């Protein structure tokens, strides 16, 4: 392995669609040493060790852990699962990076919503805000506000930051987890998006962008990249993608927005993880209001190839493969 300083990768113990874990494997394949920051020393951490990564077990909300994990690293990839203290963790990492003083790049996984969350829009009168947000939601989710505050803090920090603002992932639970039961039992895609179109992005593509920047950061410092999938599709188009991934005919069955949120998000998450539930509910309402009807060529410009399709991502999604095998 190279004698270069290791790259610090946080959020390395992620689940399905984990960008962090994929970035780690991409960097290791390129012979770049990696230090993986994980919350628990479990089978996922052991798998990273076997792949060749250093593993640091700690808490992103403990600044002593953060400083120890960062020691000797000059390039940072910062990601954290949905958390009410997301901004705190970002600021602690930024403080540690500033104190260390020799950081070459700080890759910050942000959200596509940040391209919309201008100060003027966030402070507009309620009626104007409602009209722009699509009519069914009047506020950003706490997680979206945390990302906005985090981007502000990183800008003020003076660190060499690049913000990766990816649109809705093809692996998002709204698309790849909640609909599974009806997809397999009734051959129907139950989503509350009417005729809206979206262009989800494969987590693999986001990981490749991040690994590319971490390998050669010089041209990316102080940039913010808004990334989408390859094409806008309505839910009938996605039903065809699910059909290809599942090997059966799938049709789109539009759902009432409030009833779908109650059935799929509130019942599964509201009591045990209200922060995540609130974020997913806000995203669902924003999609239904047309706020993700956006596609661009930024990923192709950066990687020199077209983005992976939703069908590609669904066919490789282990949650979907396992559900098919168990059906």
Protein backbone atom coordinates (compact mmCIF):
# COMPACT_ATOMS: atom_id res chain seq x y z
CA UNK A 1 0.00 0.00 0.00
CA UNK A 2 1.11 3.57 -0.69
CA UNK A 3 3.09 5.51 1.92
CA UNK A 4 0.80 8.49 1.35
CA UNK A 5 -1.22 9.77 4.36
CA UNK A 6 -4.51 7.92 4.76
CA UNK A 7 -7.78 9.50 3.69
CA UNK A 8 -10.30 9.77 6.53
CA UNK A 9 -13.74 8.42 5.56
CA UNK A 10 -16.58 8.91 8.04
CA UNK A 11 -19.94 7.14 7.96
CA UNK A 12 -18.10 3.96 6.99
CA UNK A 13 -20.53 1.59 8.70
CA UNK A 14 -23.46 2.49 6.45
CA UNK A 15 -26.20 0.17 5.23
CA UNK A 16 -27.61 -0.43 1.72
CA UNK A 17 -26.34 2.14 -0.74
CA UNK A 18 -23.58 3.34 1.59
CA UNK A 19 -21.54 5.89 -0.33
CA UNK A 20 -18.81 5.85 2.33
CA UNK A 21 -18.20 2.13 2.07
CA UNK A 22 -18.08 2.25 -1.72
CA UNK A 23 -15.65 5.19 -1.64
CA UNK A 24 -13.39 3.17 0.66
CA UNK A 25 -13.26 0.23 -1.73
CA UNK A 26 -12.64 2.49 -4.72
CA UNK A 27 -9.73 4.21 -2.98
CA UNK A 28 -8.23 0.92 -1.80
CA UNK A 29 -8.41 -0.45 -5.34
CA UNK A 30 -6.35 2.57 -6.41
CA UNK A 31 -3.78 1.78 -3.71
CA UNK A 32 -4.71 4.81 -1.61
CA UNK A 33 -4.60 4.17 2.17
CA UNK A 34 -7.88 4.72 3.99
CA UNK A 35 -8.87 5.26 7.62
CA UNK A 36 -12.51 4.30 8.13
CA UNK A 37 -14.33 6.05 10.99
CA UNK A 38 -17.06 3.78 12.39
CA UNK A 39 -19.38 4.03 15.37
CA UNK A 40 -19.30 0.33 16.30
CA UNK A 41 -16.69 -2.39 15.94
CA UNK A 42 -18.97 -4.95 14.29
CA UNK A 43 -18.95 -7.25 11.28
CA UNK A 44 -19.04 -4.28 8.91
CA UNK A 45 -15.92 -2.82 10.53
CA UNK A 46 -14.21 -6.20 10.32
CA UNK A 47 -15.05 -6.42 6.62
CA UNK A 48 -13.35 -3.05 6.10
CA UNK A 49 -10.25 -4.32 7.91
CA UNK A 50 -10.15 -7.39 5.69
CA UNK A 51 -10.39 -5.12 2.63
CA UNK A 52 -7.28 -3.26 3.79
CA UNK A 53 -8.63 -0.18 5.57
CA UNK A 54 -7.48 1.12 8.92
CA UNK A 55 -10.52 1.20 11.21
CA UNK A 56 -11.06 3.87 13.85
CA UNK A 57 -13.92 3.26 16.27
CA UNK A 58 -15.32 6.43 17.78
CA UNK A 59 -18.06 9.01 18.05
CA UNK A 60 -18.36 11.90 15.60
CA UNK A 61 -19.91 13.93 18.44
CA UNK A 62 -16.81 13.51 20.63
CA UNK A 63 -14.20 16.03 19.54
CA UNK A 64 -11.37 14.03 21.14
CA UNK A 65 -12.32 11.04 18.97
CA UNK A 66 -12.54 13.26 15.91
CA UNK A 67 -9.09 14.76 16.49
CA UNK A 68 -7.57 11.31 17.04
CA UNK A 69 -9.20 9.91 13.90
CA UNK A 70 -8.04 12.84 11.78
CA UNK A 71 -4.44 12.75 13.02
CA UNK A 72 -2.11 12.11 10.08
CA UNK A 73 -4.85 12.47 7.44
CA UNK A 74 -4.82 15.33 4.98
CA UNK A 75 -7.92 14.49 2.95
CA UNK A 76 -11.36 14.08 4.51
CA UNK A 77 -14.65 12.67 3.30
CA UNK A 78 -17.38 13.72 5.74
CA UNK A 79 -20.71 11.92 5.90
CA UNK A 80 -23.05 11.02 8.73
CA UNK A 81 -26.38 9.24 8.84
CA UNK A 82 -29.52 11.28 9.53
CA UNK A 83 -29.07 12.72 13.00
CA UNK A 84 -30.50 15.64 15.03
CA UNK A 85 -26.89 16.59 15.85
CA UNK A 86 -25.62 16.54 12.28
CA UNK A 87 -24.51 20.19 12.35
CA UNK A 88 -22.65 19.61 15.62
CA UNK A 89 -20.70 16.74 14.06
CA UNK A 90 -19.82 18.80 10.99
CA UNK A 91 -18.58 21.70 13.08
CA UNK A 92 -16.51 19.41 15.32
CA UNK A 93 -14.84 17.87 12.26
CA UNK A 94 -14.21 21.34 10.81
CA UNK A 95 -12.72 22.53 14.12
CA UNK A 96 -10.41 19.51 14.24
CA UNK A 97 -9.38 20.06 10.62
CA UNK A 98 -8.64 23.74 11.23
CA UNK A 99 -6.60 22.90 14.33
CA UNK A 100 -4.57 20.31 12.44
CA UNK A 101 -3.93 22.86 9.73
CA UNK A 102 -2.71 20.82 6.75
CA UNK A 103 -5.95 19.64 5.14
CA UNK A 104 -5.82 19.32 1.34
CA UNK A 105 -9.54 18.66 0.71
CA UNK A 106 -12.71 18.31 2.76
CA UNK A 107 -15.40 16.50 0.73
CA UNK A 108 -18.76 17.23 2.32
CA UNK A 109 -21.74 15.07 1.41
CA UNK A 110 -24.62 17.52 1.36
CA UNK A 111 -28.08 17.42 -0.25
CA UNK A 112 -29.58 18.52 -3.55
CA UNK A 113 -32.02 20.70 -1.63
CA UNK A 114 -29.15 23.03 -0.82
CA UNK A 115 -29.26 24.25 -4.41
CA UNK A 116 -32.77 25.55 -3.65
CA UNK A 117 -32.27 26.70 -0.06
CA UNK A 118 -31.27 30.28 -0.68
CA UNK A 119 -31.49 32.69 2.20
CA UNK A 120 -34.29 34.59 0.47
CA UNK A 121 -36.41 31.47 0.01
CA UNK A 122 -35.86 30.28 3.54
CA UNK A 123 -36.93 33.63 4.99
CA UNK A 124 -39.82 34.38 2.60
CA UNK A 125 -43.35 34.92 3.87
CA UNK A 126 -45.20 31.68 4.56
CA UNK A 127 -47.50 32.03 1.52
CA UNK A 128 -44.58 32.53 -0.86
CA UNK A 129 -42.64 29.71 0.77
CA UNK A 130 -45.59 27.35 0.49
CA UNK A 131 -46.09 28.22 -3.18
CA UNK A 132 -42.47 27.49 -4.03
CA UNK A 133 -42.21 24.33 -1.95
CA UNK A 134 -45.20 22.83 -3.74
CA UNK A 135 -48.11 23.58 -1.43
CA UNK A 136 -47.96 20.53 0.85
CA UNK A 137 -45.01 21.48 3.07
CA UNK A 138 -44.19 24.86 4.60
CA UNK A 139 -40.79 24.09 6.12
CA UNK A 140 -37.62 22.23 5.30
CA UNK A 141 -36.97 19.17 7.44
CA UNK A 142 -34.67 19.53 10.46
CA UNK A 143 -32.07 17.45 8.58
CA UNK A 144 -32.22 19.75 5.55
CA UNK A 145 -31.79 22.78 7.81
CA UNK A 146 -28.83 21.03 9.46
CA UNK A 147 -27.16 20.55 6.07
CA UNK A 148 -27.76 24.23 5.28
CA UNK A 149 -26.20 25.32 8.57
CA UNK A 150 -23.31 22.89 8.03
CA UNK A 151 -22.55 24.32 4.60
CA UNK A 152 -22.52 27.83 6.08
CA UNK A 153 -20.11 26.76 8.82
CA UNK A 154 -17.80 25.00 6.37
CA UNK A 155 -17.72 28.08 4.17
CA UNK A 156 -16.78 30.24 7.16
CA UNK A 157 -14.12 27.73 8.25
CA UNK A 158 -11.77 28.58 5.38
CA UNK A 159 -11.13 24.87 4.78
CA UNK A 160 -10.68 23.56 1.20
CA UNK A 161 -14.25 22.27 0.96
CA UNK A 162 -16.20 20.74 -1.92
CA UNK A 163 -19.93 20.15 -1.43
CA UNK A 164 -21.52 17.14 -3.12
CA UNK A 165 -25.23 17.88 -3.50
CA UNK A 166 -26.79 14.69 -4.82
CA UNK A 167 -30.46 14.39 -5.66
CA UNK A 168 -32.65 11.61 -4.29
CA UNK A 169 -30.77 8.31 -4.27
CA UNK A 170 -32.20 5.32 -6.12
CA UNK A 171 -31.52 3.46 -2.85
CA UNK A 172 -33.63 5.89 -0.77
CA UNK A 173 -36.15 3.98 1.41
CA UNK A 174 -38.99 5.86 -0.29
CA UNK A 175 -38.05 4.19 -3.57
CA UNK A 176 -36.37 0.93 -2.61
CA UNK A 177 -37.75 -0.12 0.79
CA UNK A 178 -41.31 1.07 1.44
CA UNK A 179 -42.81 -0.08 -1.92
CA UNK A 180 -41.41 -3.64 -1.75
CA UNK A 181 -44.36 -5.41 -0.14
CA UNK A 182 -46.88 -4.28 -2.74
CA UNK A 183 -44.38 -4.74 -5.57
CA UNK A 184 -43.97 -8.40 -4.63
CA UNK A 185 -47.52 -9.23 -3.51
CA UNK A 186 -49.68 -7.27 -5.95
CA UNK A 187 -47.31 -6.31 -8.76
CA UNK A 188 -48.02 -2.65 -8.07
CA UNK A 189 -45.78 0.32 -7.37
CA UNK A 190 -47.47 2.32 -4.60
CA UNK A 191 -46.12 5.88 -4.47
CA UNK A 192 -47.92 9.21 -3.96
CA UNK A 193 -46.25 11.18 -6.75
CA UNK A 194 -49.03 11.45 -9.32
CA UNK A 195 -47.55 12.50 -12.66
CA UNK A 196 -44.37 14.04 -11.23
CA UNK A 197 -40.99 13.13 -12.71
CA UNK A 198 -37.70 12.61 -10.89
CA UNK A 199 -34.13 11.65 -11.84
CA UNK A 200 -32.73 9.59 -8.93
CA UNK A 201 -29.00 8.96 -8.75
CA UNK A 202 -27.24 5.69 -7.98
CA UNK A 203 -25.18 5.78 -4.78
CA UNK A 204 -22.35 4.17 -6.77
CA UNK A 205 -22.11 7.26 -8.98
CA UNK A 206 -21.92 9.61 -6.00
CA UNK A 207 -19.18 7.42 -4.54
CA UNK A 208 -17.19 7.53 -7.79
CA UNK A 209 -17.38 11.32 -7.90
CA UNK A 210 -16.14 11.51 -4.31
CA UNK A 211 -13.33 9.00 -4.87
CA UNK A 212 -12.24 10.91 -7.98
CA UNK A 213 -12.07 14.18 -6.05
CA UNK A 214 -10.24 12.59 -3.12
CA UNK A 215 -7.67 11.07 -5.50
CA UNK A 216 -6.98 14.40 -7.22
CA UNK A 217 -8.58 17.36 -5.39
CA UNK A 218 -6.83 20.37 -6.91
CA UNK A 219 -9.50 21.32 -9.47
CA UNK A 220 -12.44 20.92 -7.07
CA UNK A 221 -11.66 23.08 -4.04
CA UNK A 222 -14.46 25.53 -3.16
CA UNK A 223 -16.84 23.93 -5.68
CA UNK A 224 -20.40 22.71 -5.08
CA UNK A 225 -21.66 20.01 -7.43
CA UNK A 226 -25.38 19.33 -7.96
CA UNK A 227 -25.75 15.75 -9.23
CA UNK A 228 -28.74 13.95 -10.75
CA UNK A 229 -29.43 10.67 -12.48
CA UNK A 230 -29.49 10.37 -16.29
CA UNK A 231 -33.12 11.15 -17.09
CA UNK A 232 -36.42 12.36 -15.73
CA UNK A 233 -39.06 9.63 -15.48
CA UNK A 234 -42.59 9.48 -14.17
CA UNK A 235 -43.71 6.64 -11.93
CA UNK A 236 -44.95 4.57 -14.87
CA UNK A 237 -41.38 4.60 -16.14
CA UNK A 238 -40.10 3.53 -12.74
CA UNK A 239 -42.64 0.73 -12.64
CA UNK A 240 -40.94 -0.65 -15.75
CA UNK A 241 -37.57 -0.44 -13.99
CA UNK A 242 -38.92 -2.33 -10.99
CA UNK A 243 -40.40 -4.91 -13.31
CA UNK A 244 -36.99 -5.49 -14.90
CA UNK A 245 -35.31 -5.77 -11.49
CA UNK A 246 -37.95 -8.13 -10.08
CA UNK A 247 -38.56 -10.16 -13.20
CA UNK A 248 -42.30 -9.55 -13.28
CA UNK A 249 -44.84 -7.06 -14.61
CA UNK A 250 -45.25 -4.02 -12.37
CA UNK A 251 -47.80 -1.26 -12.79
CA UNK A 252 -47.96 2.12 -11.08
CA UNK A 253 -50.87 2.57 -8.65
CA UNK A 254 -50.93 6.24 -7.52
CA UNK A 255 -51.59 6.78 -3.83
CA UNK A 256 -53.05 9.57 -1.73
CA UNK A 257 -50.15 11.58 -0.30
CA UNK A 258 -51.25 11.80 3.33
CA UNK A 259 -52.46 8.20 3.46
CA UNK A 260 -49.17 6.91 1.98
CA UNK A 261 -47.11 8.88 4.50
CA UNK A 262 -49.19 7.49 7.35
CA UNK A 263 -48.97 3.90 6.09
CA UNK A 264 -45.33 3.75 5.10
CA UNK A 265 -43.42 6.37 7.11
CA UNK A 266 -45.35 7.15 10.27
CA UNK A 267 -46.15 3.53 11.03
CA UNK A 268 -42.53 2.42 10.53
CA UNK A 269 -40.51 5.31 11.92
CA UNK A 270 -42.44 8.10 13.63
CA UNK A 271 -42.32 6.65 17.15
CA UNK A 272 -38.79 5.19 17.18
CA UNK A 273 -36.96 7.63 14.90
CA UNK A 274 -38.93 10.88 14.53
CA UNK A 275 -35.98 12.79 13.02
CA UNK A 276 -35.65 10.37 10.11
CA UNK A 277 -39.42 10.17 9.73
CA UNK A 278 -39.72 13.94 9.49
CA UNK A 279 -37.00 14.08 6.85
CA UNK A 280 -38.55 11.35 4.70
CA UNK A 281 -42.00 12.91 4.99
CA UNK A 282 -40.64 16.26 3.82
CA UNK A 283 -38.84 14.66 0.86
CA UNK A 284 -42.02 12.79 -0.08
CA UNK A 285 -44.03 15.99 -0.05
CA UNK A 286 -41.37 17.88 -2.01
CA UNK A 287 -41.31 15.19 -4.71
CA UNK A 288 -45.10 15.26 -4.88
CA UNK A 289 -44.91 19.05 -5.26
CA UNK A 290 -42.49 18.86 -8.19
CA UNK A 291 -39.31 20.04 -6.45
CA UNK A 292 -37.16 17.17 -7.79
CA UNK A 293 -38.18 17.61 -11.42
CA UNK A 294 -34.56 18.40 -12.31
CA UNK A 295 -31.91 16.72 -14.46
CA UNK A 296 -28.46 17.92 -15.43
CA UNK A 297 -25.24 16.70 -17.04
CA UNK A 298 -22.88 17.53 -14.16
CA UNK A 299 -21.98 13.93 -13.36
CA UNK A 300 -21.21 13.15 -16.99
CA UNK A 301 -19.02 16.24 -17.17
CA UNK A 302 -17.07 15.18 -14.09
CA UNK A 303 -16.72 11.46 -14.85
CA UNK A 304 -16.79 11.44 -18.65
CA UNK A 305 -19.63 8.91 -18.73
CA UNK A 306 -23.40 8.90 -18.37
CA UNK A 307 -24.88 8.29 -14.89
CA UNK A 308 -26.03 4.78 -14.00
CA UNK A 309 -29.74 4.18 -14.50
CA UNK A 310 -32.30 3.50 -11.79
CA UNK A 311 -32.75 0.04 -13.30
CA UNK A 312 -29.02 -0.61 -12.85
CA UNK A 313 -29.23 0.43 -9.19
CA UNK A 314 -32.37 -1.60 -8.47
CA UNK A 315 -30.94 -4.75 -10.03
CA UNK A 316 -27.91 -4.49 -7.72
CA UNK A 317 -29.79 -3.51 -4.56
CA UNK A 318 -29.28 -6.30 -1.98
CA UNK A 319 -32.50 -5.42 -0.16
CA UNK A 320 -34.46 -6.01 -3.35
CA UNK A 321 -32.53 -9.17 -4.24
CA UNK A 322 -33.09 -10.59 -0.75
CA UNK A 323 -36.80 -9.76 -0.85
CA UNK A 324 -37.17 -11.54 -4.21
CA UNK A 325 -35.37 -14.62 -2.90
CA UNK A 326 -37.54 -14.71 0.22
CA UNK A 327 -40.82 -14.24 -1.68
